[in-house]
Amino acid sequence: MSVSSNLASISSTLPKNVLLVAVSKTKPVSDILEAYQFGQKVFGENKVQEMVDKYHQLPKDIQWHMIGNLQRNKVKYIASFVSLIHGADSFKLLQEINKQAIINNRVIDCLVQIKISEEDTKHGMSFFEAKTMIASEEFQSLKNIKIVGLMGMASFTEDKNSIRQEFKSLSDFFIDFKELTSSQISLQVLSMGMSSDYKIAIEQGSNMIRLGSVIFGKRFI
């Protein structure tokens, strides 16, 4: 099936409140253009240089989401145009995003990444670390970022009950966390779910999913 037919099939089944981020990492510009022409405007990349290259080649109304682990020294390359940074997993990273946002005279939207899986390959703050950070005076000084939600990735496992429990833990935390509001916090996004588990994530309250292989096909690199 083509990229557009895959998108049509998936989009027809999604609740209206769920935003689809098409994960286009490693995929050619031609595939992204096909998705764009279908109507997909939000794309996710996990490598800074690849995102920058595609940004310069593709229509400027595309919303680019940085979904991978972001190194602090790379923030400056995407700060002028990135729409949302999913993997804000430390206060130091948020400080750097804030610094680069000031340089570019903008406010950058971020998701706090929470570690809900025991897997070493997964990054993120604990629930306690996130709450402590948000309550700190140092965080309140960051005026050029906005925390618009939370993100978490479940374990890579066939155990659906385990996946469901991990997503539920983040969904429950999101509900409590949502009570916090300030100039830097406006929680609207609960980003959970990828190609293998997005249906469970939506069941548990996700309103943003990141889908790659079910749209563009499997990656071989």
N, C-alpha and C. Protein backbone atom coordinates (compact mmCIF):
# COMPACT_ATOMS: atom_id res chain seq x y z
N MET A 1 0.84 -1.21 0.00
CA MET A 1 0.00 0.00 0.00
C MET A 1 0.87 1.26 0.00
N SER A 2 0.34 2.34 -0.55
CA SER A 2 1.08 3.60 -0.63
C SER A 2 1.01 4.35 0.70
N VAL A 3 1.87 5.36 0.83
CA VAL A 3 1.87 6.19 2.04
C VAL A 3 0.49 6.82 2.23
N SER A 4 -0.08 7.36 1.18
CA SER A 4 -1.37 8.04 1.31
C SER A 4 -2.49 7.07 1.66
N SER A 5 -2.46 5.88 1.09
CA SER A 5 -3.50 4.91 1.43
C SER A 5 -3.35 4.41 2.86
N ASN A 6 -2.12 4.27 3.33
CA ASN A 6 -1.90 3.91 4.73
C ASN A 6 -2.43 4.99 5.66
N LEU A 7 -2.15 6.24 5.32
CA LEU A 7 -2.65 7.35 6.13
C LEU A 7 -4.17 7.39 6.14
N ALA A 8 -4.77 7.16 4.99
CA ALA A 8 -6.22 7.18 4.91
C ALA A 8 -6.83 6.10 5.79
N SER A 9 -6.25 4.92 5.76
CA SER A 9 -6.75 3.80 6.55
C SER A 9 -6.63 4.08 8.05
N ILE A 10 -5.48 4.62 8.47
CA ILE A 10 -5.25 4.90 9.89
C ILE A 10 -6.12 6.06 10.36
N SER A 11 -6.11 7.14 9.60
CA SER A 11 -6.83 8.36 10.00
C SER A 11 -8.32 8.11 10.19
N SER A 12 -8.87 7.22 9.39
CA SER A 12 -10.31 6.95 9.47
C SER A 12 -10.71 6.27 10.77
N THR A 13 -9.74 5.69 11.47
CA THR A 13 -10.04 4.98 12.71
C THR A 13 -9.71 5.78 13.97
N LEU A 14 -9.08 6.93 13.82
CA LEU A 14 -8.63 7.68 14.99
C LEU A 14 -9.73 8.58 15.54
N PRO A 15 -9.84 8.65 16.86
CA PRO A 15 -10.75 9.64 17.46
C PRO A 15 -10.35 11.05 17.04
N LYS A 16 -11.29 11.96 16.97
CA LYS A 16 -11.03 13.30 16.47
C LYS A 16 -10.05 14.08 17.33
N ASN A 17 -9.96 13.71 18.62
CA ASN A 17 -9.08 14.47 19.51
C ASN A 17 -7.63 13.98 19.48
N VAL A 18 -7.33 12.97 18.67
CA VAL A 18 -5.98 12.39 18.65
C VAL A 18 -5.21 12.96 17.47
N LEU A 19 -4.05 13.57 17.76
CA LEU A 19 -3.19 14.12 16.72
C LEU A 19 -2.16 13.07 16.29
N LEU A 20 -2.06 12.87 15.00
CA LEU A 20 -1.12 11.92 14.44
C LEU A 20 0.16 12.62 14.04
N VAL A 21 1.27 12.19 14.63
CA VAL A 21 2.60 12.65 14.21
C VAL A 21 3.19 11.56 13.31
N ALA A 22 3.42 11.90 12.07
CA ALA A 22 3.99 10.93 11.13
C ALA A 22 5.50 10.90 11.31
N VAL A 23 6.01 9.79 11.77
CA VAL A 23 7.45 9.67 12.06
C VAL A 23 8.19 9.36 10.76
N SER A 24 8.87 10.38 10.26
CA SER A 24 9.47 10.31 8.92
C SER A 24 10.98 10.09 8.96
N LYS A 25 11.53 9.75 10.11
CA LYS A 25 12.98 9.55 10.21
C LYS A 25 13.43 8.46 9.23
N THR A 26 14.53 8.74 8.58
CA THR A 26 15.19 7.90 7.55
C THR A 26 14.41 7.83 6.24
N LYS A 27 13.24 8.44 6.19
CA LYS A 27 12.43 8.35 4.98
C LYS A 27 12.73 9.50 4.02
N PRO A 28 12.64 9.24 2.71
CA PRO A 28 12.98 10.28 1.73
C PRO A 28 11.94 11.39 1.67
N VAL A 29 12.39 12.52 1.13
CA VAL A 29 11.52 13.67 0.97
C VAL A 29 10.29 13.32 0.14
N SER A 30 10.45 12.45 -0.84
CA SER A 30 9.31 12.07 -1.70
C SER A 30 8.19 11.43 -0.90
N ASP A 31 8.53 10.59 0.08
CA ASP A 31 7.51 9.97 0.93
C ASP A 31 6.80 11.01 1.79
N ILE A 32 7.57 11.95 2.32
CA ILE A 32 6.99 12.99 3.16
C ILE A 32 6.06 13.88 2.32
N LEU A 33 6.47 14.19 1.09
CA LEU A 33 5.62 14.99 0.21
C LEU A 33 4.31 14.28 -0.11
N GLU A 34 4.36 12.97 -0.29
CA GLU A 34 3.13 12.22 -0.55
C GLU A 34 2.19 12.33 0.64
N ALA A 35 2.75 12.19 1.85
CA ALA A 35 1.93 12.33 3.06
C ALA A 35 1.40 13.75 3.20
N TYR A 36 2.24 14.73 2.91
CA TYR A 36 1.85 16.14 2.98
C TYR A 36 0.71 16.44 2.02
N GLN A 37 0.82 15.93 0.81
CA GLN A 37 -0.22 16.18 -0.19
C GLN A 37 -1.54 15.50 0.18
N PHE A 38 -1.45 14.45 0.96
CA PHE A 38 -2.66 13.81 1.48
C PHE A 38 -3.33 14.69 2.54
N GLY A 39 -2.53 15.53 3.19
CA GLY A 39 -3.07 16.41 4.22
C GLY A 39 -2.34 16.34 5.54
N GLN A 40 -1.33 15.48 5.65
CA GLN A 40 -0.57 15.34 6.87
C GLN A 40 0.41 16.51 7.00
N LYS A 41 0.32 17.24 8.12
CA LYS A 41 1.16 18.43 8.28
C LYS A 41 2.13 18.32 9.45
N VAL A 42 2.06 17.25 10.23
CA VAL A 42 2.90 17.11 11.42
C VAL A 42 3.82 15.90 11.24
N PHE A 43 5.13 16.15 11.32
CA PHE A 43 6.10 15.09 11.11
C PHE A 43 7.11 15.06 12.25
N GLY A 44 7.56 13.86 12.58
CA GLY A 44 8.51 13.69 13.68
C GLY A 44 9.84 13.15 13.18
N GLU A 45 10.92 13.75 13.66
CA GLU A 45 12.27 13.30 13.34
C GLU A 45 13.05 13.12 14.64
N ASN A 46 14.05 12.21 14.60
CA ASN A 46 14.83 11.98 15.81
C ASN A 46 16.30 12.35 15.66
N LYS A 47 16.69 12.84 14.47
CA LYS A 47 18.06 13.30 14.24
C LYS A 47 18.02 14.76 13.82
N VAL A 48 18.80 15.59 14.51
CA VAL A 48 18.76 17.03 14.26
C VAL A 48 19.15 17.36 12.83
N GLN A 49 20.25 16.82 12.32
CA GLN A 49 20.70 17.18 10.99
C GLN A 49 19.69 16.77 9.93
N GLU A 50 19.09 15.60 10.12
CA GLU A 50 18.08 15.14 9.16
C GLU A 50 16.87 16.05 9.17
N MET A 51 16.46 16.49 10.35
CA MET A 51 15.33 17.40 10.44
C MET A 51 15.65 18.73 9.76
N VAL A 52 16.84 19.26 9.99
CA VAL A 52 17.23 20.53 9.38
C VAL A 52 17.24 20.42 7.86
N ASP A 53 17.81 19.34 7.35
CA ASP A 53 17.86 19.14 5.90
C ASP A 53 16.46 19.10 5.30
N LYS A 54 15.56 18.35 5.95
CA LYS A 54 14.20 18.22 5.42
C LYS A 54 13.43 19.53 5.56
N TYR A 55 13.66 20.25 6.64
CA TYR A 55 13.01 21.54 6.83
C TYR A 55 13.30 22.47 5.65
N HIS A 56 14.53 22.49 5.19
CA HIS A 56 14.92 23.40 4.11
C HIS A 56 14.38 22.94 2.76
N GLN A 57 14.05 21.66 2.63
CA GLN A 57 13.59 21.13 1.34
C GLN A 57 12.07 21.10 1.18
N LEU A 58 11.36 21.19 2.29
CA LEU A 58 9.92 20.93 2.27
C LEU A 58 9.09 22.16 2.61
N PRO A 59 7.77 22.13 2.34
CA PRO A 59 6.91 23.29 2.60
C PRO A 59 7.03 23.80 4.04
N LYS A 60 6.96 25.10 4.19
CA LYS A 60 7.21 25.72 5.49
C LYS A 60 6.01 25.70 6.42
N ASP A 61 4.87 25.20 5.96
CA ASP A 61 3.75 25.06 6.90
C ASP A 61 3.76 23.69 7.59
N ILE A 62 4.77 22.88 7.33
CA ILE A 62 4.92 21.63 8.06
C ILE A 62 5.32 21.94 9.51
N GLN A 63 4.73 21.22 10.43
CA GLN A 63 5.11 21.31 11.84
C GLN A 63 6.10 20.18 12.14
N TRP A 64 7.30 20.56 12.53
CA TRP A 64 8.34 19.57 12.81
C TRP A 64 8.45 19.30 14.31
N HIS A 65 8.33 18.03 14.67
CA HIS A 65 8.45 17.60 16.07
C HIS A 65 9.77 16.85 16.25
N MET A 66 10.56 17.27 17.23
CA MET A 66 11.77 16.51 17.57
C MET A 66 11.37 15.44 18.58
N ILE A 67 11.41 14.19 18.14
CA ILE A 67 10.90 13.09 18.97
C ILE A 67 12.01 12.25 19.60
N GLY A 68 13.25 12.49 19.20
CA GLY A 68 14.34 11.66 19.72
C GLY A 68 15.04 12.28 20.91
N ASN A 69 16.04 11.57 21.41
CA ASN A 69 16.86 12.07 22.49
C ASN A 69 17.67 13.26 21.97
N LEU A 70 17.47 14.43 22.56
CA LEU A 70 18.06 15.68 22.04
C LEU A 70 19.25 16.10 22.90
N GLN A 71 20.41 16.20 22.27
CA GLN A 71 21.60 16.67 22.97
C GLN A 71 21.57 18.18 23.08
N ARG A 72 22.05 18.69 24.20
CA ARG A 72 21.96 20.13 24.45
C ARG A 72 22.71 20.95 23.39
N ASN A 73 23.83 20.44 22.92
CA ASN A 73 24.61 21.22 21.95
C ASN A 73 24.01 21.23 20.55
N LYS A 74 22.90 20.50 20.36
CA LYS A 74 22.24 20.47 19.05
C LYS A 74 20.96 21.32 19.01
N VAL A 75 20.53 21.81 20.16
CA VAL A 75 19.26 22.55 20.23
C VAL A 75 19.29 23.77 19.31
N LYS A 76 20.44 24.45 19.24
CA LYS A 76 20.55 25.69 18.47
C LYS A 76 20.21 25.51 17.00
N TYR A 77 20.37 24.29 16.48
CA TYR A 77 20.15 24.08 15.05
C TYR A 77 18.67 24.00 14.69
N ILE A 78 17.82 23.71 15.65
CA ILE A 78 16.38 23.57 15.36
C ILE A 78 15.52 24.62 16.07
N ALA A 79 16.16 25.44 16.90
CA ALA A 79 15.40 26.35 17.77
C ALA A 79 14.58 27.37 17.00
N SER A 80 14.98 27.68 15.77
CA SER A 80 14.27 28.71 15.02
C SER A 80 12.96 28.23 14.41
N PHE A 81 12.80 26.90 14.30
CA PHE A 81 11.61 26.42 13.57
C PHE A 81 10.89 25.24 14.21
N VAL A 82 11.48 24.53 15.14
CA VAL A 82 10.84 23.34 15.69
C VAL A 82 9.50 23.71 16.35
N SER A 83 8.48 22.89 16.11
CA SER A 83 7.15 23.16 16.66
C SER A 83 6.98 22.59 18.06
N LEU A 84 7.56 21.40 18.28
CA LEU A 84 7.40 20.75 19.58
C LEU A 84 8.58 19.83 19.82
N ILE A 85 9.14 19.91 21.03
CA ILE A 85 10.21 19.00 21.45
C ILE A 85 9.61 17.99 22.41
N HIS A 86 9.59 16.72 22.00
CA HIS A 86 8.94 15.67 22.80
C HIS A 86 9.80 15.20 23.97
N GLY A 87 11.11 15.19 23.80
CA GLY A 87 11.97 14.50 24.77
C GLY A 87 12.65 15.39 25.77
N ALA A 88 11.94 16.34 26.37
CA ALA A 88 12.54 17.18 27.40
C ALA A 88 12.67 16.35 28.68
N ASP A 89 13.83 15.73 28.84
CA ASP A 89 13.99 14.74 29.91
C ASP A 89 14.91 15.20 31.04
N SER A 90 15.29 16.50 31.03
CA SER A 90 16.13 17.01 32.12
C SER A 90 15.96 18.52 32.22
N PHE A 91 16.25 19.06 33.39
CA PHE A 91 16.16 20.50 33.58
C PHE A 91 17.25 21.20 32.77
N LYS A 92 18.43 20.60 32.67
CA LYS A 92 19.52 21.21 31.90
C LYS A 92 19.14 21.35 30.43
N LEU A 93 18.45 20.37 29.90
CA LEU A 93 18.00 20.47 28.51
C LEU A 93 16.99 21.60 28.37
N LEU A 94 16.06 21.71 29.30
CA LEU A 94 15.08 22.79 29.24
C LEU A 94 15.75 24.16 29.35
N GLN A 95 16.79 24.25 30.16
CA GLN A 95 17.54 25.51 30.25
C GLN A 95 18.13 25.89 28.89
N GLU A 96 18.70 24.91 28.20
CA GLU A 96 19.30 25.19 26.89
C GLU A 96 18.23 25.54 25.86
N ILE A 97 17.10 24.85 25.89
CA ILE A 97 16.01 25.18 24.98
C ILE A 97 15.54 26.62 25.23
N ASN A 98 15.42 26.99 26.50
CA ASN A 98 15.02 28.34 26.86
C ASN A 98 16.03 29.37 26.34
N LYS A 99 17.32 29.06 26.51
CA LYS A 99 18.39 29.96 26.04
C LYS A 99 18.30 30.18 24.53
N GLN A 100 18.13 29.09 23.78
CA GLN A 100 18.06 29.21 22.33
C GLN A 100 16.75 29.84 21.87
N ALA A 101 15.68 29.64 22.63
CA ALA A 101 14.41 30.30 22.31
C ALA A 101 14.53 31.82 22.46
N ILE A 102 15.25 32.26 23.48
CA ILE A 102 15.48 33.70 23.68
C ILE A 102 16.24 34.27 22.49
N ILE A 103 17.29 33.57 22.06
CA ILE A 103 18.09 34.02 20.93
C ILE A 103 17.22 34.17 19.68
N ASN A 104 16.25 33.27 19.52
CA ASN A 104 15.38 33.29 18.35
C ASN A 104 14.07 34.04 18.57
N ASN A 105 13.97 34.69 19.72
CA ASN A 105 12.81 35.54 20.03
C ASN A 105 11.49 34.78 19.90
N ARG A 106 11.45 33.59 20.53
CA ARG A 106 10.22 32.81 20.48
C ARG A 106 10.08 31.99 21.76
N VAL A 107 8.90 31.43 21.92
CA VAL A 107 8.65 30.48 23.01
C VAL A 107 8.52 29.10 22.37
N ILE A 108 9.28 28.13 22.89
CA ILE A 108 9.28 26.80 22.31
C ILE A 108 8.46 25.85 23.19
N ASP A 109 7.53 25.16 22.55
CA ASP A 109 6.69 24.19 23.25
C ASP A 109 7.47 22.89 23.48
N CYS A 110 7.28 22.31 24.66
CA CYS A 110 7.98 21.09 25.04
C CYS A 110 7.05 20.13 25.76
N LEU A 111 7.37 18.86 25.65
CA LEU A 111 6.75 17.82 26.47
C LEU A 111 7.79 17.31 27.45
N VAL A 112 7.41 17.16 28.70
CA VAL A 112 8.29 16.53 29.68
C VAL A 112 8.22 15.02 29.46
N GLN A 113 9.37 14.41 29.22
CA GLN A 113 9.41 12.96 29.01
C GLN A 113 9.51 12.25 30.35
N ILE A 114 8.56 11.35 30.57
CA ILE A 114 8.50 10.57 31.82
C ILE A 114 8.91 9.13 31.52
N LYS A 115 9.74 8.58 32.37
CA LYS A 115 10.18 7.18 32.18
C LYS A 115 9.15 6.25 32.83
N ILE A 116 8.38 5.58 32.01
CA ILE A 116 7.35 4.67 32.52
C ILE A 116 7.73 3.21 32.31
N SER A 117 8.84 2.99 31.61
CA SER A 117 9.33 1.64 31.36
C SER A 117 10.61 1.40 32.14
N GLU A 118 10.86 0.15 32.51
CA GLU A 118 12.09 -0.20 33.21
C GLU A 118 13.26 -0.41 32.25
N GLU A 119 13.00 -0.37 30.96
CA GLU A 119 14.06 -0.63 29.98
C GLU A 119 15.12 0.47 30.01
N ASP A 120 16.39 0.05 29.95
CA ASP A 120 17.49 1.01 29.99
C ASP A 120 17.52 1.92 28.77
N THR A 121 16.94 1.46 27.67
CA THR A 121 16.96 2.26 26.44
C THR A 121 15.97 3.41 26.48
N LYS A 122 15.08 3.42 27.45
CA LYS A 122 14.08 4.48 27.56
C LYS A 122 14.61 5.59 28.47
N HIS A 123 14.37 6.83 28.08
CA HIS A 123 14.82 7.99 28.85
C HIS A 123 13.62 8.64 29.55
N GLY A 124 13.93 9.58 30.43
CA GLY A 124 12.85 10.35 31.04
C GLY A 124 13.03 10.57 32.53
N MET A 125 12.25 11.51 33.04
CA MET A 125 12.23 11.81 34.46
C MET A 125 11.29 10.84 35.18
N SER A 126 11.51 10.69 36.46
CA SER A 126 10.53 9.99 37.29
C SER A 126 9.38 10.95 37.57
N PHE A 127 8.27 10.42 38.06
CA PHE A 127 7.15 11.28 38.43
C PHE A 127 7.60 12.30 39.47
N PHE A 128 8.38 11.85 40.45
CA PHE A 128 8.84 12.74 41.53
C PHE A 128 9.73 13.84 40.97
N GLU A 129 10.66 13.47 40.10
CA GLU A 129 11.58 14.47 39.53
C GLU A 129 10.82 15.53 38.75
N ALA A 130 9.81 15.11 38.00
CA ALA A 130 9.03 16.07 37.20
C ALA A 130 8.28 17.04 38.11
N LYS A 131 7.64 16.53 39.15
CA LYS A 131 6.89 17.41 40.05
C LYS A 131 7.82 18.36 40.79
N THR A 132 8.98 17.85 41.21
CA THR A 132 9.94 18.69 41.91
C THR A 132 10.46 19.80 41.01
N MET A 133 10.76 19.45 39.78
CA MET A 133 11.27 20.45 38.84
C MET A 133 10.25 21.56 38.59
N ILE A 134 9.02 21.16 38.32
CA ILE A 134 7.99 22.15 38.01
C ILE A 134 7.77 23.12 39.17
N ALA A 135 7.96 22.63 40.38
CA ALA A 135 7.73 23.47 41.57
C ALA A 135 8.92 24.36 41.91
N SER A 136 10.03 24.17 41.25
CA SER A 136 11.26 24.88 41.63
C SER A 136 11.28 26.32 41.11
N GLU A 137 11.98 27.19 41.84
CA GLU A 137 12.15 28.58 41.41
C GLU A 137 12.95 28.66 40.12
N GLU A 138 13.93 27.75 39.98
CA GLU A 138 14.76 27.75 38.77
C GLU A 138 13.91 27.52 37.52
N PHE A 139 12.94 26.60 37.64
CA PHE A 139 12.06 26.35 36.49
C PHE A 139 11.22 27.57 36.18
N GLN A 140 10.75 28.25 37.21
CA GLN A 140 9.89 29.42 37.00
C GLN A 140 10.61 30.55 36.27
N SER A 141 11.93 30.51 36.27
CA SER A 141 12.70 31.56 35.60
C SER A 141 12.81 31.34 34.09
N LEU A 142 12.39 30.17 33.62
CA LEU A 142 12.47 29.85 32.19
C LEU A 142 11.23 30.38 31.48
N LYS A 143 11.32 31.58 30.95
CA LYS A 143 10.15 32.26 30.39
C LYS A 143 9.93 31.99 28.91
N ASN A 144 10.89 31.34 28.25
CA ASN A 144 10.76 31.14 26.80
C ASN A 144 10.54 29.69 26.41
N ILE A 145 10.09 28.90 27.36
CA ILE A 145 9.59 27.56 27.06
C ILE A 145 8.17 27.45 27.60
N LYS A 146 7.43 26.53 27.03
CA LYS A 146 6.11 26.21 27.57
C LYS A 146 5.96 24.70 27.59
N ILE A 147 5.66 24.18 28.78
CA ILE A 147 5.39 22.74 28.92
C ILE A 147 3.93 22.53 28.56
N VAL A 148 3.69 21.89 27.42
CA VAL A 148 2.32 21.71 26.94
C VAL A 148 1.81 20.29 27.17
N GLY A 149 2.63 19.43 27.76
CA GLY A 149 2.16 18.08 28.01
C GLY A 149 3.26 17.15 28.47
N LEU A 150 2.92 15.88 28.49
CA LEU A 150 3.83 14.81 28.91
C LEU A 150 3.97 13.78 27.81
N MET A 151 5.11 13.09 27.80
CA MET A 151 5.36 12.03 26.84
C MET A 151 5.99 10.84 27.54
N GLY A 152 5.60 9.65 27.12
CA GLY A 152 6.22 8.45 27.66
C GLY A 152 6.16 7.31 26.68
N MET A 153 7.14 6.41 26.76
CA MET A 153 7.19 5.24 25.88
C MET A 153 7.13 3.96 26.70
N ALA A 154 6.23 3.08 26.30
CA ALA A 154 6.05 1.81 27.01
C ALA A 154 7.16 0.83 26.64
N SER A 155 7.25 -0.24 27.41
CA SER A 155 8.23 -1.29 27.15
C SER A 155 7.97 -1.95 25.80
N PHE A 156 9.03 -2.42 25.19
CA PHE A 156 8.92 -3.17 23.94
C PHE A 156 8.66 -4.63 24.31
N THR A 157 7.40 -4.99 24.37
CA THR A 157 7.02 -6.30 24.84
C THR A 157 5.71 -6.73 24.18
N GLU A 158 5.47 -8.03 24.17
CA GLU A 158 4.20 -8.56 23.67
C GLU A 158 3.12 -8.56 24.75
N ASP A 159 3.53 -8.25 25.99
CA ASP A 159 2.61 -8.29 27.13
C ASP A 159 1.74 -7.03 27.13
N LYS A 160 0.55 -7.14 26.58
CA LYS A 160 -0.33 -5.97 26.45
C LYS A 160 -0.76 -5.42 27.81
N ASN A 161 -0.91 -6.29 28.79
CA ASN A 161 -1.30 -5.81 30.11
C ASN A 161 -0.21 -4.95 30.73
N SER A 162 1.05 -5.33 30.51
CA SER A 162 2.16 -4.52 30.99
C SER A 162 2.18 -3.16 30.31
N ILE A 163 1.99 -3.15 29.00
CA ILE A 163 1.94 -1.90 28.25
C ILE A 163 0.79 -1.03 28.75
N ARG A 164 -0.35 -1.65 28.95
CA ARG A 164 -1.54 -0.93 29.41
C ARG A 164 -1.28 -0.27 30.77
N GLN A 165 -0.64 -0.99 31.68
CA GLN A 165 -0.37 -0.47 33.01
C GLN A 165 0.62 0.69 32.96
N GLU A 166 1.62 0.58 32.08
CA GLU A 166 2.59 1.67 31.96
C GLU A 166 1.91 2.93 31.41
N PHE A 167 1.10 2.78 30.40
CA PHE A 167 0.37 3.93 29.86
C PHE A 167 -0.60 4.50 30.90
N LYS A 168 -1.25 3.64 31.64
CA LYS A 168 -2.20 4.11 32.66
C LYS A 168 -1.50 4.93 33.74
N SER A 169 -0.28 4.50 34.10
CA SER A 169 0.46 5.24 35.13
C SER A 169 0.74 6.67 34.68
N LEU A 170 1.06 6.84 33.40
CA LEU A 170 1.32 8.18 32.90
C LEU A 170 0.03 8.96 32.74
N SER A 171 -1.02 8.30 32.31
CA SER A 171 -2.32 8.96 32.15
C SER A 171 -2.83 9.47 33.50
N ASP A 172 -2.69 8.65 34.55
CA ASP A 172 -3.11 9.06 35.89
C ASP A 172 -2.29 10.27 36.37
N PHE A 173 -0.98 10.21 36.11
CA PHE A 173 -0.11 11.32 36.52
C PHE A 173 -0.46 12.59 35.75
N PHE A 174 -0.79 12.44 34.48
CA PHE A 174 -1.18 13.58 33.66
C PHE A 174 -2.41 14.28 34.22
N ILE A 175 -3.36 13.50 34.68
CA ILE A 175 -4.58 14.07 35.25
C ILE A 175 -4.26 14.90 36.49
N ASP A 176 -3.39 14.37 37.36
CA ASP A 176 -2.98 15.12 38.55
C ASP A 176 -2.14 16.34 38.17
N PHE A 177 -1.22 16.13 37.26
CA PHE A 177 -0.29 17.16 36.83
C PHE A 177 -1.01 18.32 36.16
N LYS A 178 -2.15 18.01 35.55
CA LYS A 178 -2.90 19.00 34.79
C LYS A 178 -3.41 20.14 35.66
N GLU A 179 -3.46 19.91 36.95
CA GLU A 179 -3.92 20.96 37.86
C GLU A 179 -2.91 22.10 37.96
N LEU A 180 -1.65 21.82 37.57
CA LEU A 180 -0.61 22.83 37.65
C LEU A 180 -0.70 23.76 36.44
N THR A 181 -0.78 25.04 36.69
CA THR A 181 -0.79 26.01 35.60
C THR A 181 0.09 27.20 35.98
N SER A 182 0.78 27.74 35.01
CA SER A 182 1.58 28.95 35.18
C SER A 182 1.87 29.46 33.78
N SER A 183 2.67 30.51 33.69
CA SER A 183 3.00 31.05 32.37
C SER A 183 3.80 30.04 31.55
N GLN A 184 4.47 29.08 32.23
CA GLN A 184 5.27 28.09 31.52
C GLN A 184 4.59 26.74 31.38
N ILE A 185 3.40 26.60 31.92
CA ILE A 185 2.74 25.30 31.91
C ILE A 185 1.30 25.44 31.41
N SER A 186 0.96 24.67 30.39
CA SER A 186 -0.41 24.61 29.91
C SER A 186 -0.62 23.20 29.36
N LEU A 187 -0.93 22.29 30.25
CA LEU A 187 -0.94 20.88 29.88
C LEU A 187 -2.17 20.51 29.05
N GLN A 188 -1.90 20.13 27.81
CA GLN A 188 -2.96 19.72 26.90
C GLN A 188 -2.65 18.40 26.21
N VAL A 189 -1.36 18.07 26.11
CA VAL A 189 -0.93 16.93 25.29
C VAL A 189 -0.48 15.77 26.17
N LEU A 190 -1.04 14.60 25.90
CA LEU A 190 -0.54 13.36 26.49
C LEU A 190 -0.07 12.49 25.33
N SER A 191 1.24 12.48 25.11
CA SER A 191 1.82 11.81 23.95
C SER A 191 2.27 10.40 24.34
N MET A 192 1.51 9.41 23.91
CA MET A 192 1.83 8.00 24.15
C MET A 192 1.40 7.21 22.93
N GLY A 193 2.18 6.21 22.58
CA GLY A 193 1.76 5.30 21.54
C GLY A 193 2.53 5.43 20.25
N MET A 194 3.05 4.27 19.79
CA MET A 194 3.73 4.19 18.51
C MET A 194 3.06 3.10 17.67
N SER A 195 3.68 2.73 16.57
CA SER A 195 3.02 1.84 15.63
C SER A 195 2.54 0.54 16.27
N SER A 196 3.31 0.02 17.21
CA SER A 196 2.98 -1.29 17.80
C SER A 196 1.98 -1.23 18.94
N ASP A 197 1.77 -0.05 19.52
CA ASP A 197 0.94 0.00 20.73
C ASP A 197 0.00 1.19 20.80
N TYR A 198 -0.19 1.91 19.68
CA TYR A 198 -0.95 3.15 19.75
C TYR A 198 -2.42 2.95 20.12
N LYS A 199 -2.98 1.79 19.75
CA LYS A 199 -4.39 1.55 20.08
C LYS A 199 -4.59 1.44 21.60
N ILE A 200 -3.64 0.79 22.27
CA ILE A 200 -3.69 0.70 23.73
C ILE A 200 -3.48 2.09 24.34
N ALA A 201 -2.57 2.86 23.76
CA ALA A 201 -2.31 4.21 24.27
C ALA A 201 -3.55 5.09 24.19
N ILE A 202 -4.25 5.04 23.07
CA ILE A 202 -5.47 5.82 22.92
C ILE A 202 -6.52 5.38 23.93
N GLU A 203 -6.61 4.08 24.12
CA GLU A 203 -7.54 3.53 25.13
C GLU A 203 -7.25 4.11 26.51
N GLN A 204 -5.97 4.39 26.79
CA GLN A 204 -5.57 4.90 28.10
C GLN A 204 -5.47 6.43 28.14
N GLY A 205 -5.96 7.10 27.11
CA GLY A 205 -6.08 8.55 27.18
C GLY A 205 -5.13 9.36 26.33
N SER A 206 -4.29 8.72 25.53
CA SER A 206 -3.37 9.47 24.69
C SER A 206 -4.12 10.32 23.68
N ASN A 207 -3.63 11.54 23.46
CA ASN A 207 -4.21 12.38 22.40
C ASN A 207 -3.16 12.81 21.38
N MET A 208 -1.99 12.16 21.44
CA MET A 208 -0.97 12.36 20.42
C MET A 208 -0.20 11.06 20.24
N ILE A 209 -0.17 10.55 19.01
CA ILE A 209 0.52 9.29 18.74
C ILE A 209 1.58 9.52 17.68
N ARG A 210 2.64 8.71 17.74
CA ARG A 210 3.78 8.84 16.82
C ARG A 210 3.87 7.56 15.99
N LEU A 211 3.49 7.64 14.73
CA LEU A 211 3.44 6.45 13.89
C LEU A 211 4.40 6.57 12.72
N GLY A 212 5.23 5.55 12.54
CA GLY A 212 6.18 5.54 11.44
C GLY A 212 5.99 4.39 10.49
N SER A 213 6.30 3.18 10.95
CA SER A 213 6.31 2.03 10.06
C SER A 213 4.95 1.70 9.47
N VAL A 214 3.87 1.95 10.21
CA VAL A 214 2.54 1.65 9.66
C VAL A 214 2.12 2.65 8.58
N ILE A 215 2.84 3.76 8.49
CA ILE A 215 2.59 4.74 7.44
C ILE A 215 3.58 4.57 6.28
N PHE A 216 4.86 4.56 6.64
CA PHE A 216 5.91 4.58 5.61
C PHE A 216 6.54 3.23 5.30
N GLY A 217 6.16 2.22 6.06
CA GLY A 217 6.79 0.92 5.88
C GLY A 217 7.95 0.74 6.82
N LYS A 218 8.44 -0.47 6.93
CA LYS A 218 9.52 -0.79 7.86
C LYS A 218 10.81 -0.12 7.44
N ARG A 219 11.62 0.22 8.47
CA ARG A 219 12.94 0.81 8.21
C ARG A 219 13.98 -0.30 8.17
N PHE A 220 14.96 -0.11 7.32
CA PHE A 220 16.02 -1.11 7.17
C PHE A 220 17.38 -0.58 7.59
N ILE A 221 17.40 0.68 8.10
CA ILE A 221 18.64 1.25 8.60
C ILE A 221 18.40 1.88 9.96
